[in-house]
């Protein structure tokens, strides 16, 4: 049996009619119409997921801008965590086994998605600390996601040392012109997995990359985890985007969504499960219907 994460919050908000534009992205609904954030969470819960992830990905200066982040960043991240917790509680009367639905605190790449070249540990650390402190009281565990480099992982891991809750770390992968599975930084996935195993984290995941590149990374990770005798959860949650290029400017335009049916996505996910994954779900442009199809794999 596997743990089923939710899908992509930002594009689900856009789909259900929430205010949604760059650079605020998923934070716009949090600020202007938080009822949409609650509804998006409930849509994924009703689809059958075991985990909903806090909508705090955009509660950083990269999306909010420095002024809005300084005045409201921490409050918005805490608000997002509270909304997620209440969404689980409000879904309980309508769902069986609702106690099994957990809330994952979200730790994003605070200086820009898909751009490990922009990462700076000194700048990132206080932002990470703020996000952790804001969500801590309302979450069951953490997912640090869309990690682009080993240096970024090291900084996120160190920051999460201020919490005693389990933490999973999700790396984003290069999607083209790669000889072996590689992080966005170009570093081999194998090197990242070995570093993760050294620190004995709770889980290593791969996210926000096309589903086609996930299997190779999972196979590399599984081989190394087994060889090292590590007890670490493994999995993936891909996006429904077209290829994201190295010089991607996340705030300039919305990434193009591809036509990826729930059945096609489920075939990818089944291959990850067959390769040893025990945590799966969806990232950007993976919707409740995709998650519902994945829930069907358990039946």
Protein backbone atom coordinates (compact mmCIF):
# COMPACT_ATOMS: atom_id res chain seq x y z
CA UNK A 1 0.00 0.00 0.00
CA UNK A 2 1.17 3.52 -0.73
CA UNK A 3 0.62 7.01 0.65
CA UNK A 4 -1.30 9.22 -1.77
CA UNK A 5 -0.44 12.92 -1.79
CA UNK A 6 -2.72 15.59 -3.25
CA UNK A 7 -2.21 17.35 -6.58
CA UNK A 8 -1.15 20.83 -7.64
CA UNK A 9 -2.75 23.62 -5.61
CA UNK A 10 -2.00 26.57 -7.91
CA UNK A 11 -3.60 25.23 -11.06
CA UNK A 12 -6.53 23.74 -9.13
CA UNK A 13 -7.18 27.22 -7.74
CA UNK A 14 -7.08 28.62 -11.25
CA UNK A 15 -9.40 25.86 -12.52
CA UNK A 16 -12.09 26.50 -9.89
CA UNK A 17 -12.11 30.25 -10.55
CA UNK A 18 -9.94 31.65 -7.78
CA UNK A 19 -8.03 34.90 -8.38
CA UNK A 20 -4.77 33.70 -9.87
CA UNK A 21 -1.99 35.61 -11.62
CA UNK A 22 1.76 36.11 -11.51
CA UNK A 23 3.72 36.97 -9.49
CA UNK A 24 1.41 36.21 -6.53
CA UNK A 25 0.38 32.84 -7.99
CA UNK A 26 -1.27 30.62 -5.33
CA UNK A 27 -0.85 33.31 -2.66
CA UNK A 28 -3.36 35.55 -4.46
CA UNK A 29 -6.33 33.41 -3.42
CA UNK A 30 -4.92 33.16 0.09
CA UNK A 31 -4.98 36.96 0.30
CA UNK A 32 -8.14 37.80 -1.64
CA UNK A 33 -10.41 34.74 -1.50
CA UNK A 34 -9.26 32.11 1.01
CA UNK A 35 -12.51 30.16 0.62
CA UNK A 36 -11.12 28.92 -2.70
CA UNK A 37 -8.05 27.54 -0.94
CA UNK A 38 -10.29 25.58 1.40
CA UNK A 39 -12.36 24.29 -1.51
CA UNK A 40 -9.28 23.16 -3.42
CA UNK A 41 -8.08 21.18 -0.40
CA UNK A 42 -11.50 19.58 -0.03
CA UNK A 43 -11.55 18.65 -3.72
CA UNK A 44 -8.36 16.65 -3.26
CA UNK A 45 -9.60 15.10 -0.02
CA UNK A 46 -12.79 13.97 -1.76
CA UNK A 47 -10.65 12.51 -4.55
CA UNK A 48 -9.07 10.16 -2.03
CA UNK A 49 -5.70 11.59 -1.04
CA UNK A 50 -4.09 10.77 2.29
CA UNK A 51 -2.20 14.08 2.55
CA UNK A 52 -3.00 17.69 1.72
CA UNK A 53 -0.13 20.15 1.45
CA UNK A 54 -0.34 23.64 2.92
CA UNK A 55 -0.74 26.43 0.35
CA UNK A 56 2.37 28.28 1.54
CA UNK A 57 4.53 27.71 -1.55
CA UNK A 58 4.18 31.34 -2.67
CA UNK A 59 4.45 32.93 0.81
CA UNK A 60 7.98 34.07 0.02
CA UNK A 61 9.56 37.31 -1.27
CA UNK A 62 10.03 35.77 -4.72
CA UNK A 63 6.23 35.82 -5.18
CA UNK A 64 4.99 38.37 -2.67
CA UNK A 65 7.72 40.95 -3.16
CA UNK A 66 9.88 42.17 -0.30
CA UNK A 67 7.43 44.70 1.13
CA UNK A 68 4.40 42.39 1.25
CA UNK A 69 6.54 39.52 2.53
CA UNK A 70 7.93 41.60 5.38
CA UNK A 71 4.49 42.79 6.44
CA UNK A 72 2.40 39.66 5.84
CA UNK A 73 4.59 36.69 4.86
CA UNK A 74 4.55 34.90 8.21
CA UNK A 75 0.85 35.60 8.79
CA UNK A 76 -0.08 34.31 5.34
CA UNK A 77 1.90 31.08 5.84
CA UNK A 78 0.19 30.52 9.18
CA UNK A 79 -3.20 31.31 7.62
CA UNK A 80 -2.52 28.74 4.89
CA UNK A 81 -1.67 26.08 7.47
CA UNK A 82 -4.82 26.81 9.48
CA UNK A 83 -6.97 26.60 6.34
CA UNK A 84 -5.53 23.19 5.54
CA UNK A 85 -6.19 21.89 9.06
CA UNK A 86 -9.76 23.18 9.06
CA UNK A 87 -10.39 21.69 5.60
CA UNK A 88 -9.56 18.26 7.00
CA UNK A 89 -11.80 18.82 10.02
CA UNK A 90 -14.71 20.08 7.92
CA UNK A 91 -14.44 17.13 5.55
CA UNK A 92 -14.67 14.64 8.42
CA UNK A 93 -18.49 14.38 8.62
CA UNK A 94 -18.63 13.46 4.93
CA UNK A 95 -15.69 11.06 4.69
CA UNK A 96 -14.76 7.67 6.08
CA UNK A 97 -11.41 7.31 7.86
CA UNK A 98 -10.84 11.06 7.73
CA UNK A 99 -8.41 10.73 10.61
CA UNK A 100 -5.94 9.27 8.15
CA UNK A 101 -5.76 12.54 6.15
CA UNK A 102 -2.63 14.39 7.22
CA UNK A 103 -1.48 17.96 6.68
CA UNK A 104 2.00 18.46 5.22
CA UNK A 105 3.74 21.75 5.84
CA UNK A 106 5.18 23.13 2.60
CA UNK A 107 8.78 24.34 2.39
CA UNK A 108 9.38 25.73 -1.12
CA UNK A 109 12.53 26.88 -2.91
CA UNK A 110 12.37 30.33 -1.35
CA UNK A 111 14.56 32.15 -3.90
CA UNK A 112 12.89 30.83 -7.05
CA UNK A 113 11.65 27.57 -8.52
CA UNK A 114 13.78 25.64 -11.05
CA UNK A 115 16.69 28.06 -10.54
CA UNK A 116 19.41 26.51 -8.39
CA UNK A 117 21.74 29.18 -9.78
CA UNK A 118 19.81 31.77 -7.74
CA UNK A 119 20.15 29.90 -4.46
CA UNK A 120 21.99 31.57 -1.58
CA UNK A 121 22.00 29.80 1.79
CA UNK A 122 22.49 32.99 3.79
CA UNK A 123 19.49 34.67 2.15
CA UNK A 124 17.34 31.55 2.22
CA UNK A 125 17.75 30.55 5.87
CA UNK A 126 15.74 33.32 7.59
CA UNK A 127 12.90 32.87 5.08
CA UNK A 128 12.87 29.12 5.72
CA UNK A 129 12.84 29.70 9.46
CA UNK A 130 9.84 32.01 9.12
CA UNK A 131 7.90 29.46 7.07
CA UNK A 132 8.65 26.67 9.53
CA UNK A 133 7.70 28.68 12.60
CA UNK A 134 4.47 29.88 10.96
CA UNK A 135 3.24 26.39 10.06
CA UNK A 136 4.69 24.28 12.88
CA UNK A 137 1.64 24.18 15.17
CA UNK A 138 -0.77 23.12 12.43
CA UNK A 139 1.00 20.41 10.41
CA UNK A 140 1.74 16.72 10.89
CA UNK A 141 4.97 16.58 8.90
CA UNK A 142 6.96 18.52 6.31
CA UNK A 143 7.58 18.32 2.59
CA UNK A 144 10.48 20.44 1.36
CA UNK A 145 9.88 20.49 -2.36
CA UNK A 146 11.16 21.41 -5.79
CA UNK A 147 14.72 21.27 -4.45
CA UNK A 148 17.14 22.11 -7.23
CA UNK A 149 20.55 21.29 -5.76
CA UNK A 150 22.31 19.47 -2.95
CA UNK A 151 23.27 22.83 -1.42
CA UNK A 152 19.61 23.80 -1.28
CA UNK A 153 18.77 20.45 0.32
CA UNK A 154 21.49 20.94 2.95
CA UNK A 155 20.07 24.34 3.90
CA UNK A 156 16.48 23.08 4.04
CA UNK A 157 17.53 20.10 6.14
CA UNK A 158 19.38 22.34 8.58
CA UNK A 159 16.42 24.71 8.87
CA UNK A 160 14.01 21.88 9.55
CA UNK A 161 16.16 20.91 12.50
CA UNK A 162 14.14 23.50 14.43
CA UNK A 163 11.13 21.12 14.16
CA UNK A 164 10.83 17.64 15.63
CA UNK A 165 8.32 16.51 13.01
CA UNK A 166 9.12 14.08 10.17
CA UNK A 167 10.42 15.67 6.97
CA UNK A 168 10.38 14.50 3.36
CA UNK A 169 12.58 16.12 0.71
CA UNK A 170 11.47 16.35 -2.92
CA UNK A 171 13.97 17.10 -5.69
CA UNK A 172 13.17 18.57 -9.10
CA UNK A 173 14.86 16.99 -12.12
CA UNK A 174 16.32 18.08 -15.42
CA UNK A 175 13.96 17.10 -18.22
CA UNK A 176 16.10 17.10 -21.35
CA UNK A 177 19.62 16.38 -22.60
CA UNK A 178 20.63 14.23 -19.64
CA UNK A 179 22.79 11.12 -19.78
CA UNK A 180 21.77 10.04 -16.28
CA UNK A 181 19.07 11.31 -13.89
CA UNK A 182 20.14 14.75 -12.67
CA UNK A 183 18.87 17.52 -10.43
CA UNK A 184 18.12 20.94 -11.92
CA UNK A 185 21.65 21.89 -10.85
CA UNK A 186 23.08 19.17 -13.08
CA UNK A 187 24.25 17.16 -10.08
CA UNK A 188 23.60 13.40 -10.36
CA UNK A 189 20.56 12.11 -8.52
CA UNK A 190 22.82 9.42 -7.10
CA UNK A 191 24.88 12.05 -5.27
CA UNK A 192 21.76 13.61 -3.78
CA UNK A 193 20.42 10.24 -2.65
CA UNK A 194 23.69 9.35 -0.99
CA UNK A 195 23.66 12.67 0.87
CA UNK A 196 20.05 12.13 1.95
CA UNK A 197 20.89 8.64 3.21
CA UNK A 198 23.84 9.99 5.19
CA UNK A 199 21.45 12.23 7.11
CA UNK A 200 18.83 9.48 7.51
CA UNK A 201 15.86 11.61 6.48
CA UNK A 202 12.31 10.25 6.53
CA UNK A 203 11.78 10.30 2.79
CA UNK A 204 13.19 11.25 -0.59
CA UNK A 205 10.81 12.24 -3.36
CA UNK A 206 11.00 13.72 -6.85
CA UNK A 207 8.55 16.43 -7.89
CA UNK A 208 7.62 19.21 -10.29
CA UNK A 209 9.22 17.58 -13.31
CA UNK A 210 7.63 15.73 -16.20
CA UNK A 211 6.46 12.18 -15.42
CA UNK A 212 8.76 10.76 -18.10
CA UNK A 213 11.91 11.51 -16.09
CA UNK A 214 10.73 10.22 -12.73
CA UNK A 215 11.25 6.48 -13.21
CA UNK A 216 14.99 6.77 -13.86
CA UNK A 217 15.46 8.83 -10.71
CA UNK A 218 13.38 6.42 -8.65
CA UNK A 219 15.40 3.45 -9.88
CA UNK A 220 18.68 5.16 -9.00
CA UNK A 221 17.35 6.13 -5.59
CA UNK A 222 15.98 2.67 -4.86
CA UNK A 223 19.30 1.02 -5.78
CA UNK A 224 21.25 3.33 -3.48
CA UNK A 225 18.78 3.15 -0.60
CA UNK A 226 18.89 -0.65 -0.71
CA UNK A 227 22.67 -0.76 -1.07
CA UNK A 228 23.09 1.48 1.96
CA UNK A 229 20.47 -0.36 3.99
CA UNK A 230 18.60 2.87 4.64
CA UNK A 231 15.03 2.96 5.92
CA UNK A 232 13.75 5.85 3.80
CA UNK A 233 10.42 6.30 2.04
CA UNK A 234 10.64 6.86 -1.71
CA UNK A 235 8.31 8.32 -4.27
CA UNK A 236 7.38 10.95 -6.82
CA UNK A 237 4.74 13.48 -7.79
CA UNK A 238 5.15 14.88 -11.29
CA UNK A 239 3.70 17.95 -12.96
CA UNK A 240 1.53 18.28 -16.04
CA UNK A 241 3.69 20.93 -17.69
CA UNK A 242 5.70 21.04 -20.86
CA UNK A 243 9.50 21.00 -20.50
CA UNK A 244 10.84 23.65 -18.10
CA UNK A 245 14.08 25.15 -19.41
CA UNK A 246 17.18 26.00 -17.36
CA UNK A 247 16.70 29.79 -17.55
CA UNK A 248 13.01 29.62 -16.60
CA UNK A 249 11.58 32.89 -15.28
CA UNK A 250 8.79 31.67 -13.00
CA UNK A 251 7.18 35.07 -12.46
CA UNK A 252 7.15 36.19 -16.09
CA UNK A 253 4.57 33.82 -17.53
CA UNK A 254 2.47 30.80 -16.66
CA UNK A 255 4.06 27.53 -17.75
CA UNK A 256 2.17 25.73 -20.51
CA UNK A 257 0.01 22.83 -19.38
CA UNK A 258 0.11 19.68 -21.51
CA UNK A 259 -2.79 17.35 -22.23
CA UNK A 260 -2.16 14.56 -19.72
CA UNK A 261 -5.16 12.38 -18.97
CA UNK A 262 -5.75 10.73 -15.62
CA UNK A 263 -5.27 7.33 -17.23
CA UNK A 264 -1.95 8.27 -18.79
CA UNK A 265 -0.73 9.70 -15.51
CA UNK A 266 -1.81 6.59 -13.62
CA UNK A 267 0.31 4.46 -15.97
CA UNK A 268 3.37 6.50 -15.10
CA UNK A 269 2.60 6.26 -11.40
CA UNK A 270 2.11 2.51 -11.57
CA UNK A 271 5.62 2.19 -12.99
CA UNK A 272 6.97 4.18 -10.03
CA UNK A 273 5.16 1.90 -7.63
CA UNK A 274 6.49 -1.16 -9.41
CA UNK A 275 10.00 0.29 -9.04
CA UNK A 276 9.68 0.53 -5.27
CA UNK A 277 7.91 3.82 -4.51
CA UNK A 278 5.57 4.03 -1.54
CA UNK A 279 4.61 7.72 -1.78
CA UNK A 280 2.97 9.15 -4.93
CA UNK A 281 0.75 12.06 -5.91
CA UNK A 282 0.73 15.02 -8.23
CA UNK A 283 2.30 18.45 -8.60
CA UNK A 284 1.36 21.41 -10.82
CA UNK A 285 -1.52 20.75 -13.25
CA UNK A 286 -2.34 17.39 -11.70
CA UNK A 287 -5.97 17.72 -10.68
CA UNK A 288 -8.42 15.89 -8.39
CA UNK A 289 -9.47 13.60 -11.24
CA UNK A 290 -5.86 12.43 -11.54
CA UNK A 291 -5.68 11.79 -7.79
CA UNK A 292 -8.99 9.91 -7.86
CA UNK A 293 -7.59 7.65 -10.58
CA UNK A 294 -4.49 6.99 -8.45
CA UNK A 295 -6.70 6.14 -5.48
CA UNK A 296 -8.25 3.54 -7.74
CA UNK A 297 -4.90 1.79 -8.05
CA UNK A 298 -5.34 0.69 -4.42
CA UNK A 299 -8.67 -1.04 -5.04
